């Protein structure tokens, strides 16, 4: 079973570039983590500081390891004073439906 994560982060005014740069730079390391099927950064349309990370992990263990890993720890250190508050992280069980390519992440 795969796990989908939606993580929302809101940058403090003036910190938008730092947040985006930090997340972009972490991507290569996170993508190399075992079990990472997707870690994709998005910005809410019409905003400069509302970021959403869409993730897909191949197992609960891979997601847990990511949460304790060096890449995410580095992001946390870099952004500790740059966000309005803690990231809002929600984990979902995938429920594929319909077309296999369109009905699941």
PDB file of N, CA and C in Angstrom:
ATOM      1  N   UNK A   1       0.845  -1.175   0.000  1.00  0.00           N
ATOM      2  CA  UNK A   1       0.000   0.000   0.000  1.00  0.00           C
ATOM      3  C   UNK A   1       0.885   1.230   0.000  1.00  0.00           C
ATOM      4  N   UNK A   2       0.538   2.211  -0.817  1.00  0.00           N
ATOM      5  CA  UNK A   2       1.290   3.460  -0.828  1.00  0.00           C
ATOM      6  C   UNK A   2       0.592   4.492   0.047  1.00  0.00           C
ATOM      7  N   UNK A   3       1.366   5.509   0.407  1.00  0.00           N
ATOM      8  CA  UNK A   3       0.860   6.572   1.262  1.00  0.00           C
ATOM      9  C   UNK A   3       1.082   7.907   0.561  1.00  0.00           C
ATOM     10  N   UNK A   4       0.058   8.732   0.548  1.00  0.00           N
ATOM     11  CA  UNK A   4       0.122  10.057  -0.054  1.00  0.00           C
ATOM     12  C   UNK A   4       0.144  11.070   1.083  1.00  0.00           C
ATOM     13  N   UNK A   5       1.026  12.046   0.955  1.00  0.00           N
ATOM     14  CA  UNK A   5       1.167  13.088   1.967  1.00  0.00           C
ATOM     15  C   UNK A   5       0.952  14.441   1.296  1.00  0.00           C
ATOM     16  N   UNK A   6       0.181  15.280   1.949  1.00  0.00           N
ATOM     17  CA  UNK A   6       0.021  16.667   1.532  1.00  0.00           C
ATOM     18  C   UNK A   6       0.544  17.519   2.688  1.00  0.00           C
ATOM     19  N   UNK A   7       1.610  18.259   2.430  1.00  0.00           N
ATOM     20  CA  UNK A   7       2.220  19.114   3.456  1.00  0.00           C
ATOM     21  C   UNK A   7       2.100  20.562   2.997  1.00  0.00           C
ATOM     22  N   UNK A   8       1.464  21.380   3.824  1.00  0.00           N
ATOM     23  CA  UNK A   8       1.248  22.784   3.499  1.00  0.00           C
ATOM     24  C   UNK A   8       2.105  23.653   4.409  1.00  0.00           C
ATOM     25  N   UNK A   9       2.809  24.604   3.796  1.00  0.00           N
ATOM     26  CA  UNK A   9       3.676  25.520   4.539  1.00  0.00           C
ATOM     27  C   UNK A   9       3.397  26.942   4.085  1.00  0.00           C
ATOM     28  N   UNK A  10       3.315  27.860   5.032  1.00  0.00           N
ATOM     29  CA  UNK A  10       3.098  29.265   4.700  1.00  0.00           C
ATOM     30  C   UNK A  10       4.300  30.059   5.193  1.00  0.00           C
ATOM     31  N   UNK A  11       4.956  30.717   4.243  1.00  0.00           N
ATOM     32  CA  UNK A  11       6.144  31.512   4.563  1.00  0.00           C
ATOM     33  C   UNK A  11       5.749  32.819   5.236  1.00  0.00           C
ATOM     34  N   UNK A  12       6.585  33.246   6.170  1.00  0.00           N
ATOM     35  CA  UNK A  12       6.421  34.586   6.731  1.00  0.00           C
ATOM     36  C   UNK A  12       6.722  35.601   5.628  1.00  0.00           C
ATOM     37  N   UNK A  13       6.112  36.786   5.699  1.00  0.00           N
ATOM     38  CA  UNK A  13       6.431  37.822   4.713  1.00  0.00           C
ATOM     39  C   UNK A  13       7.945  38.080   4.652  1.00  0.00           C
ATOM     40  N   UNK A  14       8.459  38.118   3.442  1.00  0.00           N
ATOM     41  CA  UNK A  14       9.891  38.320   3.244  1.00  0.00           C
ATOM     42  C   UNK A  14      10.707  37.044   3.237  1.00  0.00           C
ATOM     43  N   UNK A  15      10.086  35.915   3.578  1.00  0.00           N
ATOM     44  CA  UNK A  15      10.808  34.631   3.641  1.00  0.00           C
ATOM     45  C   UNK A  15      10.436  33.688   2.490  1.00  0.00           C
ATOM     46  N   UNK A  16       9.622  34.150   1.567  1.00  0.00           N
ATOM     47  CA  UNK A  16       9.113  33.293   0.485  1.00  0.00           C
ATOM     48  C   UNK A  16      10.237  32.671  -0.349  1.00  0.00           C
ATOM     49  N   UNK A  17      11.221  33.480  -0.714  1.00  0.00           N
ATOM     50  CA  UNK A  17      12.324  32.964  -1.540  1.00  0.00           C
ATOM     51  C   UNK A  17      13.136  31.913  -0.796  1.00  0.00           C
ATOM     52  N   UNK A  18      13.386  32.139   0.480  1.00  0.00           N
ATOM     53  CA  UNK A  18      14.137  31.165   1.274  1.00  0.00           C
ATOM     54  C   UNK A  18      13.386  29.835   1.345  1.00  0.00           C
ATOM     55  N   UNK A  19      12.088  29.881   1.573  1.00  0.00           N
ATOM     56  CA  UNK A  19      11.304  28.648   1.669  1.00  0.00           C
ATOM     57  C   UNK A  19      11.356  27.891   0.346  1.00  0.00           C
ATOM     58  N   UNK A  20      11.094  28.583  -0.740  1.00  0.00           N
ATOM     59  CA  UNK A  20      11.116  27.914  -2.045  1.00  0.00           C
ATOM     60  C   UNK A  20      12.499  27.334  -2.353  1.00  0.00           C
ATOM     61  N   UNK A  21      13.544  28.123  -2.149  1.00  0.00           N
ATOM     62  CA  UNK A  21      14.914  27.675  -2.430  1.00  0.00           C
ATOM     63  C   UNK A  21      15.272  26.446  -1.596  1.00  0.00           C
ATOM     64  N   UNK A  22      14.924  26.473  -0.320  1.00  0.00           N
ATOM     65  CA  UNK A  22      15.248  25.355   0.576  1.00  0.00           C
ATOM     66  C   UNK A  22      14.554  24.077   0.126  1.00  0.00           C
ATOM     67  N   UNK A  23      13.288  24.174  -0.202  1.00  0.00           N
ATOM     68  CA  UNK A  23      12.539  22.990  -0.627  1.00  0.00           C
ATOM     69  C   UNK A  23      13.040  22.468  -1.970  1.00  0.00           C
ATOM     70  N   UNK A  24      13.327  23.378  -2.887  1.00  0.00           N
ATOM     71  CA  UNK A  24      13.868  22.949  -4.182  1.00  0.00           C
ATOM     72  C   UNK A  24      15.213  22.232  -4.016  1.00  0.00           C
ATOM     73  N   UNK A  25      16.067  22.785  -3.159  1.00  0.00           N
ATOM     74  CA  UNK A  25      17.390  22.186  -2.969  1.00  0.00           C
ATOM     75  C   UNK A  25      17.319  20.835  -2.271  1.00  0.00           C
ATOM     76  N   UNK A  26      16.314  20.601  -1.455  1.00  0.00           N
ATOM     77  CA  UNK A  26      16.169  19.328  -0.756  1.00  0.00           C
ATOM     78  C   UNK A  26      15.641  18.225  -1.669  1.00  0.00           C
ATOM     79  N   UNK A  27      15.052  18.610  -2.798  1.00  0.00           N
ATOM     80  CA  UNK A  27      14.371  17.638  -3.652  1.00  0.00           C
ATOM     81  C   UNK A  27      15.261  16.474  -4.084  1.00  0.00           C
ATOM     82  N   UNK A  28      16.461  16.741  -4.537  1.00  0.00           N
ATOM     83  CA  UNK A  28      17.334  15.659  -5.017  1.00  0.00           C
ATOM     84  C   UNK A  28      17.614  14.641  -3.916  1.00  0.00           C
ATOM     85  N   UNK A  29      17.875  15.122  -2.708  1.00  0.00           N
ATOM     86  CA  UNK A  29      18.147  14.200  -1.599  1.00  0.00           C
ATOM     87  C   UNK A  29      16.909  13.390  -1.233  1.00  0.00           C
ATOM     88  N   UNK A  30      15.756  14.044  -1.197  1.00  0.00           N
ATOM     89  CA  UNK A  30      14.524  13.316  -0.858  1.00  0.00           C
ATOM     90  C   UNK A  30      14.184  12.313  -1.953  1.00  0.00           C
ATOM     91  N   UNK A  31      14.329  12.710  -3.202  1.00  0.00           N
ATOM     92  CA  UNK A  31      14.033  11.791  -4.308  1.00  0.00           C
ATOM     93  C   UNK A  31      14.908  10.546  -4.254  1.00  0.00           C
ATOM     94  N   UNK A  32      16.102  10.661  -3.681  1.00  0.00           N
ATOM     95  CA  UNK A  32      17.013   9.516  -3.576  1.00  0.00           C
ATOM     96  C   UNK A  32      16.698   8.608  -2.390  1.00  0.00           C
ATOM     97  N   UNK A  33      15.806   9.033  -1.521  1.00  0.00           N
ATOM     98  CA  UNK A  33      15.461   8.209  -0.357  1.00  0.00           C
ATOM     99  C   UNK A  33      14.707   6.957  -0.798  1.00  0.00           C
ATOM    100  N   UNK A  34      15.008   5.818  -0.174  1.00  0.00           N
ATOM    101  CA  UNK A  34      14.290   4.591  -0.520  1.00  0.00           C
ATOM    102  C   UNK A  34      12.783   4.756  -0.293  1.00  0.00           C
ATOM    103  N   UNK A  35      12.004   4.355  -1.287  1.00  0.00           N
ATOM    104  CA  UNK A  35      10.551   4.385  -1.155  1.00  0.00           C
ATOM    105  C   UNK A  35       9.896   5.685  -1.566  1.00  0.00           C
ATOM    106  N   UNK A  36      10.684   6.677  -1.989  1.00  0.00           N
ATOM    107  CA  UNK A  36      10.096   7.939  -2.439  1.00  0.00           C
ATOM    108  C   UNK A  36       9.621   7.767  -3.880  1.00  0.00           C
ATOM    109  N   UNK A  37       8.311   7.828  -4.084  1.00  0.00           N
ATOM    110  CA  UNK A  37       7.747   7.748  -5.429  1.00  0.00           C
ATOM    111  C   UNK A  37       7.434   9.136  -5.979  1.00  0.00           C
ATOM    112  N   UNK A  38       7.235  10.105  -5.079  1.00  0.00           N
ATOM    113  CA  UNK A  38       6.954  11.477  -5.510  1.00  0.00           C
ATOM    114  C   UNK A  38       7.196  12.425  -4.342  1.00  0.00           C
ATOM    115  N   UNK A  39       7.800  13.530  -4.637  1.00  0.00           N
ATOM    116  CA  UNK A  39       7.975  14.644  -3.689  1.00  0.00           C
ATOM    117  C   UNK A  39       7.991  15.875  -4.556  1.00  0.00           C
ATOM    118  N   UNK A  40       6.820  16.504  -4.732  1.00  0.00           N
ATOM    119  CA  UNK A  40       6.635  17.538  -5.741  1.00  0.00           C
ATOM    120  C   UNK A  40       6.145  18.830  -5.102  1.00  0.00           C
ATOM    121  N   UNK A  41       6.890  19.900  -5.331  1.00  0.00           N
ATOM    122  CA  UNK A  41       6.594  21.196  -4.745  1.00  0.00           C
ATOM    123  C   UNK A  41       5.622  21.979  -5.619  1.00  0.00           C
ATOM    124  N   UNK A  42       4.678  22.645  -4.961  1.00  0.00           N
ATOM    125  CA  UNK A  42       3.705  23.506  -5.645  1.00  0.00           C
ATOM    126  C   UNK A  42       3.533  24.791  -4.849  1.00  0.00           C
ATOM    127  N   UNK A  43       3.092  25.836  -5.536  1.00  0.00           N
ATOM    128  CA  UNK A  43       2.738  27.090  -4.873  1.00  0.00           C
ATOM    129  C   UNK A  43       1.278  27.365  -5.206  1.00  0.00           C
ATOM    130  N   UNK A  44       0.532  27.772  -4.203  1.00  0.00           N
ATOM    131  CA  UNK A  44      -0.876  28.102  -4.421  1.00  0.00           C
ATOM    132  C   UNK A  44      -0.954  29.270  -5.405  1.00  0.00           C
ATOM    133  N   UNK A  45      -1.733  29.093  -6.438  1.00  0.00           N
ATOM    134  CA  UNK A  45      -1.892  30.111  -7.464  1.00  0.00           C
ATOM    135  C   UNK A  45      -2.340  31.432  -6.845  1.00  0.00           C
ATOM    136  N   UNK A  46      -1.696  32.499  -7.277  1.00  0.00           N
ATOM    137  CA  UNK A  46      -2.043  33.827  -6.803  1.00  0.00           C
ATOM    138  C   UNK A  46      -1.361  34.230  -5.510  1.00  0.00           C
ATOM    139  N   UNK A  47      -0.473  33.374  -4.983  1.00  0.00           N
ATOM    140  CA  UNK A  47       0.246  33.694  -3.751  1.00  0.00           C
ATOM    141  C   UNK A  47       1.744  33.633  -4.010  1.00  0.00           C
ATOM    142  N   UNK A  48       2.517  34.163  -3.081  1.00  0.00           N
ATOM    143  CA  UNK A  48       3.972  34.037  -3.180  1.00  0.00           C
ATOM    144  C   UNK A  48       4.530  33.147  -2.080  1.00  0.00           C
ATOM    145  N   UNK A  49       3.756  32.910  -1.034  1.00  0.00           N
ATOM    146  CA  UNK A  49       4.316  32.201   0.108  1.00  0.00           C
ATOM    147  C   UNK A  49       3.520  31.025   0.628  1.00  0.00           C
ATOM    148  N   UNK A  50       2.559  30.528  -0.137  1.00  0.00           N
ATOM    149  CA  UNK A  50       1.747  29.395   0.302  1.00  0.00           C
ATOM    150  C   UNK A  50       2.178  28.171  -0.517  1.00  0.00           C
ATOM    151  N   UNK A  51       2.953  27.280   0.106  1.00  0.00           N
ATOM    152  CA  UNK A  51       3.538  26.129  -0.581  1.00  0.00           C
ATOM    153  C   UNK A  51       2.852  24.835  -0.170  1.00  0.00           C
ATOM    154  N   UNK A  52       2.754  23.930  -1.143  1.00  0.00           N
ATOM    155  CA  UNK A  52       2.178  22.609  -0.885  1.00  0.00           C
ATOM    156  C   UNK A  52       3.107  21.568  -1.479  1.00  0.00           C
ATOM    157  N   UNK A  53       3.470  20.588  -0.667  1.00  0.00           N
ATOM    158  CA  UNK A  53       4.274  19.472  -1.122  1.00  0.00           C
ATOM    159  C   UNK A  53       3.348  18.267  -1.255  1.00  0.00           C
ATOM    160  N   UNK A  54       3.326  17.675  -2.453  1.00  0.00           N
ATOM    161  CA  UNK A  54       2.554  16.461  -2.690  1.00  0.00           C
ATOM    162  C   UNK A  54       3.559  15.319  -2.730  1.00  0.00           C
ATOM    163  N   UNK A  55       3.348  14.352  -1.862  1.00  0.00           N
ATOM    164  CA  UNK A  55       4.307  13.254  -1.729  1.00  0.00           C
ATOM    165  C   UNK A  55       3.609  11.917  -1.911  1.00  0.00           C
ATOM    166  N   UNK A  56       4.383  10.930  -2.340  1.00  0.00           N
ATOM    167  CA  UNK A  56       3.898   9.554  -2.383  1.00  0.00           C
ATOM    168  C   UNK A  56       5.038   8.656  -1.924  1.00  0.00           C
ATOM    169  N   UNK A  57       4.721   7.820  -0.955  1.00  0.00           N
ATOM    170  CA  UNK A  57       5.704   6.907  -0.377  1.00  0.00           C
ATOM    171  C   UNK A  57       5.231   5.479  -0.560  1.00  0.00           C
ATOM    172  N   UNK A  58       6.157   4.590  -0.890  1.00  0.00           N
ATOM    173  CA  UNK A  58       5.809   3.208  -1.216  1.00  0.00           C
ATOM    174  C   UNK A  58       5.406   2.375  -0.011  1.00  0.00           C
ATOM    175  N   UNK A  59       5.761   2.818   1.181  1.00  0.00           N
ATOM    176  CA  UNK A  59       5.411   2.057   2.380  1.00  0.00           C
ATOM    177  C   UNK A  59       5.380   2.975   3.592  1.00  0.00           C
ATOM    178  N   UNK A  60       4.761   2.479   4.639  1.00  0.00           N
ATOM    179  CA  UNK A  60       4.721   3.214   5.902  1.00  0.00           C
ATOM    180  C   UNK A  60       6.136   3.382   6.455  1.00  0.00           C
ATOM    181  N   UNK A  61       6.961   2.357   6.285  1.00  0.00           N
ATOM    182  CA  UNK A  61       8.335   2.405   6.766  1.00  0.00           C
ATOM    183  C   UNK A  61       9.141   3.475   6.028  1.00  0.00           C
ATOM    184  N   UNK A  62       8.951   3.567   4.704  1.00  0.00           N
ATOM    185  CA  UNK A  62       9.670   4.585   3.926  1.00  0.00           C
ATOM    186  C   UNK A  62       9.266   5.991   4.371  1.00  0.00           C
ATOM    187  N   UNK A  63       7.983   6.180   4.607  1.00  0.00           N
ATOM    188  CA  UNK A  63       7.503   7.479   5.079  1.00  0.00           C
ATOM    189  C   UNK A  63       8.082   7.807   6.451  1.00  0.00           C
ATOM    190  N   UNK A  64       8.121   6.823   7.324  1.00  0.00           N
ATOM    191  CA  UNK A  64       8.675   7.034   8.664  1.00  0.00           C
ATOM    192  C   UNK A  64      10.165   7.386   8.579  1.00  0.00           C
ATOM    193  N   UNK A  65      10.900   6.662   7.748  1.00  0.00           N
ATOM    194  CA  UNK A  65      12.327   6.925   7.583  1.00  0.00           C
ATOM    195  C   UNK A  65      12.555   8.329   7.031  1.00  0.00           C
ATOM    196  N   UNK A  66      11.732   8.734   6.069  1.00  0.00           N
ATOM    197  CA  UNK A  66      11.820  10.095   5.524  1.00  0.00           C
ATOM    198  C   UNK A  66      11.618  11.135   6.624  1.00  0.00           C
ATOM    199  N   UNK A  67      10.644  10.904   7.470  1.00  0.00           N
ATOM    200  CA  UNK A  67      10.345  11.845   8.550  1.00  0.00           C
ATOM    201  C   UNK A  67      11.482  12.013   9.535  1.00  0.00           C
ATOM    202  N   UNK A  68      12.342  11.021   9.644  1.00  0.00           N
ATOM    203  CA  UNK A  68      13.483  11.067  10.565  1.00  0.00           C
ATOM    204  C   UNK A  68      14.805  11.303   9.842  1.00  0.00           C
ATOM    205  N   UNK A  69      14.748  11.507   8.513  1.00  0.00           N
ATOM    206  CA  UNK A  69      15.957  11.565   7.703  1.00  0.00           C
ATOM    207  C   UNK A  69      16.672  12.900   7.703  1.00  0.00           C
ATOM    208  N   UNK A  70      17.873  12.875   7.165  1.00  0.00           N
ATOM    209  CA  UNK A  70      18.742  14.051   7.135  1.00  0.00           C
ATOM    210  C   UNK A  70      18.178  15.168   6.266  1.00  0.00           C
ATOM    211  N   UNK A  71      17.572  14.821   5.134  1.00  0.00           N
ATOM    212  CA  UNK A  71      17.064  15.857   4.232  1.00  0.00           C
ATOM    213  C   UNK A  71      15.970  16.684   4.907  1.00  0.00           C
ATOM    214  N   UNK A  72      15.032  16.017   5.529  1.00  0.00           N
ATOM    215  CA  UNK A  72      13.941  16.736   6.190  1.00  0.00           C
ATOM    216  C   UNK A  72      14.441  17.488   7.423  1.00  0.00           C
ATOM    217  N   UNK A  73      15.414  16.930   8.117  1.00  0.00           N
ATOM    218  CA  UNK A  73      16.001  17.640   9.262  1.00  0.00           C
ATOM    219  C   UNK A  73      16.667  18.934   8.804  1.00  0.00           C
ATOM    220  N   UNK A  74      17.347  18.882   7.661  1.00  0.00           N
ATOM    221  CA  UNK A  74      17.977  20.075   7.116  1.00  0.00           C
ATOM    222  C   UNK A  74      16.950  21.128   6.721  1.00  0.00           C
ATOM    223  N   UNK A  75      15.845  20.692   6.138  1.00  0.00           N
ATOM    224  CA  UNK A  75      14.765  21.622   5.795  1.00  0.00           C
ATOM    225  C   UNK A  75      14.238  22.275   7.072  1.00  0.00           C
ATOM    226  N   UNK A  76      14.046  21.485   8.093  1.00  0.00           N
ATOM    227  CA  UNK A  76      13.540  22.010   9.362  1.00  0.00           C
ATOM    228  C   UNK A  76      14.461  23.060   9.959  1.00  0.00           C
ATOM    229  N   UNK A  77      15.758  22.790   9.924  1.00  0.00           N
ATOM    230  CA  UNK A  77      16.730  23.761  10.458  1.00  0.00           C
ATOM    231  C   UNK A  77      16.715  25.054   9.644  1.00  0.00           C
ATOM    232  N   UNK A  78      16.689  24.918   8.328  1.00  0.00           N
ATOM    233  CA  UNK A  78      16.740  26.093   7.458  1.00  0.00           C
ATOM    234  C   UNK A  78      15.485  26.958   7.567  1.00  0.00           C
ATOM    235  N   UNK A  79      14.355  26.319   7.840  1.00  0.00           N
ATOM    236  CA  UNK A  79      13.079  27.047   7.826  1.00  0.00           C
ATOM    237  C   UNK A  79      12.500  27.300   9.207  1.00  0.00           C
ATOM    238  N   UNK A  80      13.265  27.043  10.262  1.00  0.00           N
ATOM    239  CA  UNK A  80      12.713  27.132  11.618  1.00  0.00           C
ATOM    240  C   UNK A  80      12.114  28.486  11.950  1.00  0.00           C
ATOM    241  N   UNK A  81      12.646  29.553  11.389  1.00  0.00           N
ATOM    242  CA  UNK A  81      12.116  30.896  11.654  1.00  0.00           C
ATOM    243  C   UNK A  81      11.467  31.519  10.426  1.00  0.00           C
ATOM    244  N   UNK A  82      11.296  30.740   9.345  1.00  0.00           N
ATOM    245  CA  UNK A  82      10.804  31.295   8.076  1.00  0.00           C
ATOM    246  C   UNK A  82       9.325  31.020   7.819  1.00  0.00           C
ATOM    247  N   UNK A  83       8.713  30.168   8.636  1.00  0.00           N
ATOM    248  CA  UNK A  83       7.316  29.796   8.400  1.00  0.00           C
ATOM    249  C   UNK A  83       6.398  30.432   9.434  1.00  0.00           C
ATOM    250  N   UNK A  84       5.155  30.663   9.020  1.00  0.00           N
ATOM    251  CA  UNK A  84       4.141  31.222   9.921  1.00  0.00           C
ATOM    252  C   UNK A  84       3.860  30.290  11.101  1.00  0.00           C
ATOM    253  N   UNK A  85       4.054  29.020  10.920  1.00  0.00           N
ATOM    254  CA  UNK A  85       3.829  28.009  11.952  1.00  0.00           C
ATOM    255  C   UNK A  85       4.320  26.685  11.432  1.00  0.00           C
ATOM    256  N   UNK A  86       4.097  25.614  12.185  1.00  0.00           N
ATOM    257  CA  UNK A  86       4.539  24.307  11.705  1.00  0.00           C
ATOM    258  C   UNK A  86       3.808  23.913  10.424  1.00  0.00           C
ATOM    259  N   UNK A  87       4.453  23.106   9.625  1.00  0.00           N
ATOM    260  CA  UNK A  87       3.814  22.597   8.418  1.00  0.00           C
ATOM    261  C   UNK A  87       2.566  21.807   8.813  1.00  0.00           C
ATOM    262  N   UNK A  88       1.527  21.950   8.016  1.00  0.00           N
ATOM    263  CA  UNK A  88       0.312  21.151   8.192  1.00  0.00           C
ATOM    264  C   UNK A  88       0.492  19.915   7.331  1.00  0.00           C
ATOM    265  N   UNK A  89       0.664  18.760   7.967  1.00  0.00           N
ATOM    266  CA  UNK A  89       0.966  17.522   7.254  1.00  0.00           C
ATOM    267  C   UNK A  89      -0.192  16.544   7.438  1.00  0.00           C
ATOM    268  N   UNK A  90      -0.724  16.068   6.312  1.00  0.00           N
ATOM    269  CA  UNK A  90      -1.804  15.077   6.342  1.00  0.00           C
ATOM    270  C   UNK A  90      -1.369  13.875   5.525  1.00  0.00           C
ATOM    271  N   UNK A  91      -1.573  12.676   6.075  1.00  0.00           N
ATOM    272  CA  UNK A  91      -1.205  11.429   5.413  1.00  0.00           C
ATOM    273  C   UNK A  91      -2.481  10.708   5.006  1.00  0.00           C
ATOM    274  N   UNK A  92      -2.505  10.220   3.769  1.00  0.00           N
ATOM    275  CA  UNK A  92      -3.680   9.572   3.211  1.00  0.00           C
ATOM    276  C   UNK A  92      -3.341   8.173   2.714  1.00  0.00           C
ATOM    277  N   UNK A  93      -4.277   7.255   2.856  1.00  0.00           N
ATOM    278  CA  UNK A  93      -4.188   5.946   2.216  1.00  0.00           C
ATOM    279  C   UNK A  93      -4.690   6.125   0.789  1.00  0.00           C
ATOM    280  N   UNK A  94      -3.953   5.616  -0.176  1.00  0.00           N
ATOM    281  CA  UNK A  94      -4.368   5.715  -1.571  1.00  0.00           C
ATOM    282  C   UNK A  94      -5.558   4.789  -1.824  1.00  0.00           C
ATOM    283  N   UNK A  95      -6.557   5.296  -2.526  1.00  0.00           N
ATOM    284  CA  UNK A  95      -7.735   4.521  -2.909  1.00  0.00           C
ATOM    285  C   UNK A  95      -7.908   4.621  -4.423  1.00  0.00           C
ATOM    286  N   UNK A  96      -7.091   3.872  -5.172  1.00  0.00           N
ATOM    287  CA  UNK A  96      -7.158   3.956  -6.643  1.00  0.00           C
ATOM    288  C   UNK A  96      -8.563   3.641  -7.145  1.00  0.00           C
ATOM    289  N   UNK A  97      -8.993   4.378  -8.180  1.00  0.00           N
ATOM    290  CA  UNK A  97     -10.297   4.164  -8.763  1.00  0.00           C
ATOM    291  C   UNK A  97     -10.257   4.539 -10.240  1.00  0.00           C
ATOM    292  N   UNK A  98     -11.050   3.879 -11.044  1.00  0.00           N
ATOM    293  CA  UNK A  98     -11.130   4.201 -12.469  1.00  0.00           C
ATOM    294  C   UNK A  98      -9.858   3.846 -13.203  1.00  0.00           C
ATOM    295  N   UNK A  99      -9.477   4.689 -14.129  1.00  0.00           N
ATOM    296  CA  UNK A  99      -8.280   4.502 -14.932  1.00  0.00           C
ATOM    297  C   UNK A  99      -7.049   4.443 -14.024  1.00  0.00           C
ATOM    298  N   UNK A 100      -6.203   3.436 -14.200  1.00  0.00           N
ATOM    299  CA  UNK A 100      -5.047   3.228 -13.326  1.00  0.00           C
ATOM    300  C   UNK A 100      -4.094   4.418 -13.318  1.00  0.00           C
ATOM    301  N   UNK A 101      -3.944   5.107 -14.445  1.00  0.00           N
ATOM    302  CA  UNK A 101      -3.027   6.243 -14.506  1.00  0.00           C
ATOM    303  C   UNK A 101      -3.659   7.535 -14.014  1.00  0.00           C
ATOM    304  N   UNK A 102      -4.967   7.643 -14.082  1.00  0.00           N
ATOM    305  CA  UNK A 102      -5.631   8.874 -13.704  1.00  0.00           C
ATOM    306  C   UNK A 102      -6.272   8.808 -12.327  1.00  0.00           C
ATOM    307  N   UNK A 103      -6.478   7.615 -11.830  1.00  0.00           N
ATOM    308  CA  UNK A 103      -7.206   7.460 -10.582  1.00  0.00           C
ATOM    309  C   UNK A 103      -6.363   7.297  -9.344  1.00  0.00           C
ATOM    310  N   UNK A 104      -5.057   7.537  -9.467  1.00  0.00           N
ATOM    311  CA  UNK A 104      -4.170   7.415  -8.301  1.00  0.00           C
ATOM    312  C   UNK A 104      -2.908   8.206  -8.564  1.00  0.00           C
ATOM    313  N   UNK A 105      -2.280   8.632  -7.471  1.00  0.00           N
ATOM    314  CA  UNK A 105      -0.958   9.268  -7.582  1.00  0.00           C
ATOM    315  C   UNK A 105       0.086   8.190  -7.603  1.00  0.00           C
TER     316      UNK A 105
END
